[in-house]
Amino acid sequence: MPEVKKAHCPAPSAVVSAGRDYLAASQPETPGKGWASLIADGITLIAEARQDAPRLVELCRSKYPRFGDAISTHIPASAREQARQLKRAHGFASLQELYLEAVLKSLTRRGFMSPALELTTMPGTATQAHTAASVSQPAVG
């Protein structure tokens, strides 16, 4: 079995919420495996992108200045090694920054966040249910 190591990545609550919607829709074996899948997919997307391509993590920092939540998952050794190589090649400040970029790319590619990093309402997700509930409730007062 490949070595797996715990990863911790600070993130804004909107990103964590979109990730939870993805987890609800994809129903992975465990939440950690779902986050690992997002990160692995995002690492592939980063590897395919030009080195000078704009980073979603920069938009994320300006749009959501408070990173009050965290993504906590286990990253397989092969994904960690690829992440280390991409960190150097693409000039990321840290692996946490690269992991957040990977999550953002995965969530936007899958439609759980817009390219402007807005939460989207996917059919059958918690965000859609919350949006529908807030719209259908009558005004109080």
C-alpha atoms as a PDB file:
ATOM      1  CA  MET A   1       0.000   0.000   0.000  1.00  0.00           C
ATOM      2  CA  PRO A   2       1.474   3.412  -0.933  1.00  0.00           C
ATOM      3  CA  GLU A   3       2.491   5.709   1.885  1.00  0.00           C
ATOM      4  CA  VAL A   4      -0.197   8.248   2.720  1.00  0.00           C
ATOM      5  CA  LYS A   5       0.476  11.444   4.657  1.00  0.00           C
ATOM      6  CA  LYS A   6      -1.934  13.851   6.349  1.00  0.00           C
ATOM      7  CA  ALA A   7      -2.249  17.250   4.663  1.00  0.00           C
ATOM      8  CA  HIS A   8      -3.767  20.370   6.207  1.00  0.00           C
ATOM      9  CA  CYS A   9      -4.708  23.303   4.005  1.00  0.00           C
ATOM     10  CA  PRO A  10      -6.229  26.579   5.291  1.00  0.00           C
ATOM     11  CA  ALA A  11      -9.223  27.600   3.179  1.00  0.00           C
ATOM     12  CA  PRO A  12     -12.143  30.048   3.198  1.00  0.00           C
ATOM     13  CA  SER A  13     -15.487  28.675   4.325  1.00  0.00           C
ATOM     14  CA  ALA A  14     -16.998  29.137   0.826  1.00  0.00           C
ATOM     15  CA  VAL A  15     -14.430  26.727  -0.637  1.00  0.00           C
ATOM     16  CA  VAL A  16     -15.001  24.204   2.144  1.00  0.00           C
ATOM     17  CA  SER A  17     -18.764  24.505   1.586  1.00  0.00           C
ATOM     18  CA  ALA A  18     -18.373  23.835  -2.156  1.00  0.00           C
ATOM     19  CA  GLY A  19     -16.147  20.886  -1.281  1.00  0.00           C
ATOM     20  CA  ARG A  20     -18.808  19.501   1.041  1.00  0.00           C
ATOM     21  CA  ASP A  21     -21.317  19.765  -1.806  1.00  0.00           C
ATOM     22  CA  TYR A  22     -18.914  17.791  -3.988  1.00  0.00           C
ATOM     23  CA  LEU A  23     -18.514  15.182  -1.237  1.00  0.00           C
ATOM     24  CA  ALA A  24     -22.311  14.895  -0.888  1.00  0.00           C
ATOM     25  CA  ALA A  25     -22.723  14.454  -4.638  1.00  0.00           C
ATOM     26  CA  SER A  26     -19.834  12.031  -5.178  1.00  0.00           C
ATOM     27  CA  GLN A  27     -20.263  10.057  -1.928  1.00  0.00           C
ATOM     28  CA  PRO A  28     -16.645   8.911  -1.522  1.00  0.00           C
ATOM     29  CA  GLU A  29     -15.747   6.161   0.966  1.00  0.00           C
ATOM     30  CA  THR A  30     -14.591   8.840   3.414  1.00  0.00           C
ATOM     31  CA  PRO A  31     -14.434  12.659   3.305  1.00  0.00           C
ATOM     32  CA  GLY A  32     -10.631  12.423   3.350  1.00  0.00           C
ATOM     33  CA  LYS A  33     -10.673  10.294   0.195  1.00  0.00           C
ATOM     34  CA  GLY A  34     -13.030  12.786  -1.460  1.00  0.00           C
ATOM     35  CA  TRP A  35     -10.723  15.720  -0.690  1.00  0.00           C
ATOM     36  CA  ALA A  36      -7.728  13.655  -1.829  1.00  0.00           C
ATOM     37  CA  SER A  37      -9.526  12.998  -5.123  1.00  0.00           C
ATOM     38  CA  LEU A  38     -10.147  16.731  -5.604  1.00  0.00           C
ATOM     39  CA  ILE A  39      -6.510  17.528  -4.864  1.00  0.00           C
ATOM     40  CA  ALA A  40      -5.147  14.774  -7.126  1.00  0.00           C
ATOM     41  CA  ASP A  41      -7.383  15.946  -9.983  1.00  0.00           C
ATOM     42  CA  GLY A  42      -6.338  19.553  -9.393  1.00  0.00           C
ATOM     43  CA  ILE A  43      -2.651  18.621  -9.364  1.00  0.00           C
ATOM     44  CA  THR A  44      -3.165  17.124 -12.829  1.00  0.00           C
ATOM     45  CA  LEU A  45      -4.871  20.340 -13.971  1.00  0.00           C
ATOM     46  CA  ILE A  46      -1.989  22.451 -12.594  1.00  0.00           C
ATOM     47  CA  ALA A  47       0.539  20.210 -14.359  1.00  0.00           C
ATOM     48  CA  GLU A  48      -1.313  20.712 -17.665  1.00  0.00           C
ATOM     49  CA  ALA A  49      -1.547  24.508 -17.248  1.00  0.00           C
ATOM     50  CA  ARG A  50       1.040  27.008 -18.442  1.00  0.00           C
ATOM     51  CA  GLN A  51       3.448  28.091 -15.728  1.00  0.00           C
ATOM     52  CA  ASP A  52       2.405  31.721 -16.187  1.00  0.00           C
ATOM     53  CA  ALA A  53      -1.333  30.944 -16.080  1.00  0.00           C
ATOM     54  CA  PRO A  54      -3.315  33.071 -13.594  1.00  0.00           C
ATOM     55  CA  ARG A  55      -3.827  31.362 -10.258  1.00  0.00           C
ATOM     56  CA  LEU A  56      -7.228  30.893  -8.697  1.00  0.00           C
ATOM     57  CA  VAL A  57      -5.585  31.051  -5.276  1.00  0.00           C
ATOM     58  CA  GLU A  58      -4.777  34.746  -5.879  1.00  0.00           C
ATOM     59  CA  LEU A  59      -8.417  35.478  -6.722  1.00  0.00           C
ATOM     60  CA  CYS A  60      -9.422  33.425  -3.688  1.00  0.00           C
ATOM     61  CA  ARG A  61      -7.224  35.539  -1.368  1.00  0.00           C
ATOM     62  CA  SER A  62      -8.707  38.790  -2.671  1.00  0.00           C
ATOM     63  CA  LYS A  63     -12.303  37.535  -2.697  1.00  0.00           C
ATOM     64  CA  TYR A  64     -12.180  35.640   0.613  1.00  0.00           C
ATOM     65  CA  PRO A  65      -9.525  37.275   2.810  1.00  0.00           C
ATOM     66  CA  ARG A  66     -10.443  35.174   5.847  1.00  0.00           C
ATOM     67  CA  PHE A  67      -9.289  31.558   5.703  1.00  0.00           C
ATOM     68  CA  GLY A  68     -11.186  30.405   8.781  1.00  0.00           C
ATOM     69  CA  ASP A  69     -11.696  26.760   7.769  1.00  0.00           C
ATOM     70  CA  ALA A  70      -9.322  24.031   6.720  1.00  0.00           C
ATOM     71  CA  ILE A  71      -9.183  21.122   4.344  1.00  0.00           C
ATOM     72  CA  SER A  72      -7.723  18.102   6.065  1.00  0.00           C
ATOM     73  CA  THR A  73      -7.013  14.971   4.093  1.00  0.00           C
ATOM     74  CA  HIS A  74      -4.496  12.249   3.358  1.00  0.00           C
ATOM     75  CA  ILE A  75      -2.430  12.644   0.193  1.00  0.00           C
ATOM     76  CA  PRO A  76      -0.953   9.541  -1.499  1.00  0.00           C
ATOM     77  CA  ALA A  77       2.842   9.548  -1.948  1.00  0.00           C
ATOM     78  CA  SER A  78       2.621   9.792  -5.759  1.00  0.00           C
ATOM     79  CA  ALA A  79       0.437  12.927  -5.561  1.00  0.00           C
ATOM     80  CA  ARG A  80       2.733  14.473  -2.922  1.00  0.00           C
ATOM     81  CA  GLU A  81       5.779  13.905  -5.129  1.00  0.00           C
ATOM     82  CA  GLN A  82       4.061  15.467  -8.141  1.00  0.00           C
ATOM     83  CA  ALA A  83       2.950  18.375  -5.921  1.00  0.00           C
ATOM     84  CA  ARG A  84       6.540  18.956  -4.739  1.00  0.00           C
ATOM     85  CA  GLN A  85       7.741  19.075  -8.358  1.00  0.00           C
ATOM     86  CA  LEU A  86       4.938  21.458  -9.367  1.00  0.00           C
ATOM     87  CA  LYS A  87       5.590  23.681  -6.343  1.00  0.00           C
ATOM     88  CA  ARG A  88       9.135  24.281  -7.589  1.00  0.00           C
ATOM     89  CA  ALA A  89       8.255  24.446 -11.295  1.00  0.00           C
ATOM     90  CA  HIS A  90       5.293  26.826 -10.874  1.00  0.00           C
ATOM     91  CA  GLY A  91       6.715  28.865  -7.982  1.00  0.00           C
ATOM     92  CA  PHE A  92       4.093  28.158  -5.329  1.00  0.00           C
ATOM     93  CA  ALA A  93       5.014  29.495  -1.880  1.00  0.00           C
ATOM     94  CA  SER A  94       3.991  26.276  -0.095  1.00  0.00           C
ATOM     95  CA  LEU A  95       2.388  22.896  -0.620  1.00  0.00           C
ATOM     96  CA  GLN A  96      -0.705  24.212   1.191  1.00  0.00           C
ATOM     97  CA  GLU A  97      -1.010  26.966  -1.431  1.00  0.00           C
ATOM     98  CA  LEU A  98      -0.643  24.405  -4.214  1.00  0.00           C
ATOM     99  CA  TYR A  99      -3.236  22.104  -2.599  1.00  0.00           C
ATOM    100  CA  LEU A 100      -5.712  24.994  -2.330  1.00  0.00           C
ATOM    101  CA  GLU A 101      -5.090  25.874  -5.996  1.00  0.00           C
ATOM    102  CA  ALA A 102      -5.693  22.206  -6.857  1.00  0.00           C
ATOM    103  CA  VAL A 103      -8.986  22.157  -4.924  1.00  0.00           C
ATOM    104  CA  LEU A 104     -10.123  25.410  -6.561  1.00  0.00           C
ATOM    105  CA  LYS A 105      -9.325  24.106 -10.044  1.00  0.00           C
ATOM    106  CA  SER A 106     -11.135  20.826  -9.348  1.00  0.00           C
ATOM    107  CA  LEU A 107     -14.229  22.485  -7.909  1.00  0.00           C
ATOM    108  CA  THR A 108     -14.492  24.944 -10.805  1.00  0.00           C
ATOM    109  CA  ARG A 109     -13.930  22.215 -13.410  1.00  0.00           C
ATOM    110  CA  ARG A 110     -16.649  20.086 -11.792  1.00  0.00           C
ATOM    111  CA  GLY A 111     -19.048  23.061 -11.589  1.00  0.00           C
ATOM    112  CA  PHE A 112     -19.256  23.369  -7.795  1.00  0.00           C
ATOM    113  CA  MET A 113     -17.729  26.872  -7.981  1.00  0.00           C
ATOM    114  CA  SER A 114     -17.848  29.381 -10.809  1.00  0.00           C
ATOM    115  CA  PRO A 115     -14.627  30.691 -12.411  1.00  0.00           C
ATOM    116  CA  ALA A 116     -15.195  33.802 -10.267  1.00  0.00           C
ATOM    117  CA  LEU A 117     -15.157  31.475  -7.205  1.00  0.00           C
ATOM    118  CA  GLU A 118     -18.834  31.890  -6.428  1.00  0.00           C
ATOM    119  CA  LEU A 119     -20.700  28.905  -5.015  1.00  0.00           C
ATOM    120  CA  THR A 120     -22.938  27.333  -7.628  1.00  0.00           C
ATOM    121  CA  THR A 121     -26.112  25.431  -6.932  1.00  0.00           C
ATOM    122  CA  MET A 122     -25.683  21.908  -8.182  1.00  0.00           C
ATOM    123  CA  PRO A 123     -28.769  19.672  -8.284  1.00  0.00           C
ATOM    124  CA  GLY A 124     -29.068  17.600  -5.110  1.00  0.00           C
ATOM    125  CA  THR A 125     -26.402  19.430  -3.096  1.00  0.00           C
ATOM    126  CA  ALA A 126     -26.567  21.040   0.310  1.00  0.00           C
ATOM    127  CA  THR A 127     -25.989  24.474  -1.272  1.00  0.00           C
ATOM    128  CA  GLN A 128     -29.003  23.980  -3.544  1.00  0.00           C
ATOM    129  CA  ALA A 129     -31.133  22.798  -0.625  1.00  0.00           C
ATOM    130  CA  HIS A 130     -30.043  25.784   1.488  1.00  0.00           C
ATOM    131  CA  THR A 131     -30.721  28.209  -1.375  1.00  0.00           C
ATOM    132  CA  ALA A 132     -34.149  26.678  -2.052  1.00  0.00           C
ATOM    133  CA  ALA A 133     -35.065  26.769   1.639  1.00  0.00           C
ATOM    134  CA  SER A 134     -34.036  30.411   2.015  1.00  0.00           C
ATOM    135  CA  VAL A 135     -36.001  31.411  -1.108  1.00  0.00           C
ATOM    136  CA  SER A 136     -39.157  29.467  -0.225  1.00  0.00           C
ATOM    137  CA  GLN A 137     -39.459  30.670   3.370  1.00  0.00           C
ATOM    138  CA  PRO A 138     -41.931  33.532   3.823  1.00  0.00           C
ATOM    139  CA  ALA A 139     -40.701  36.815   5.239  1.00  0.00           C
ATOM    140  CA  VAL A 140     -41.139  37.188   8.979  1.00  0.00           C
ATOM    141  CA  GLY A 141     -42.732  40.266  10.446  1.00  0.00           C
END
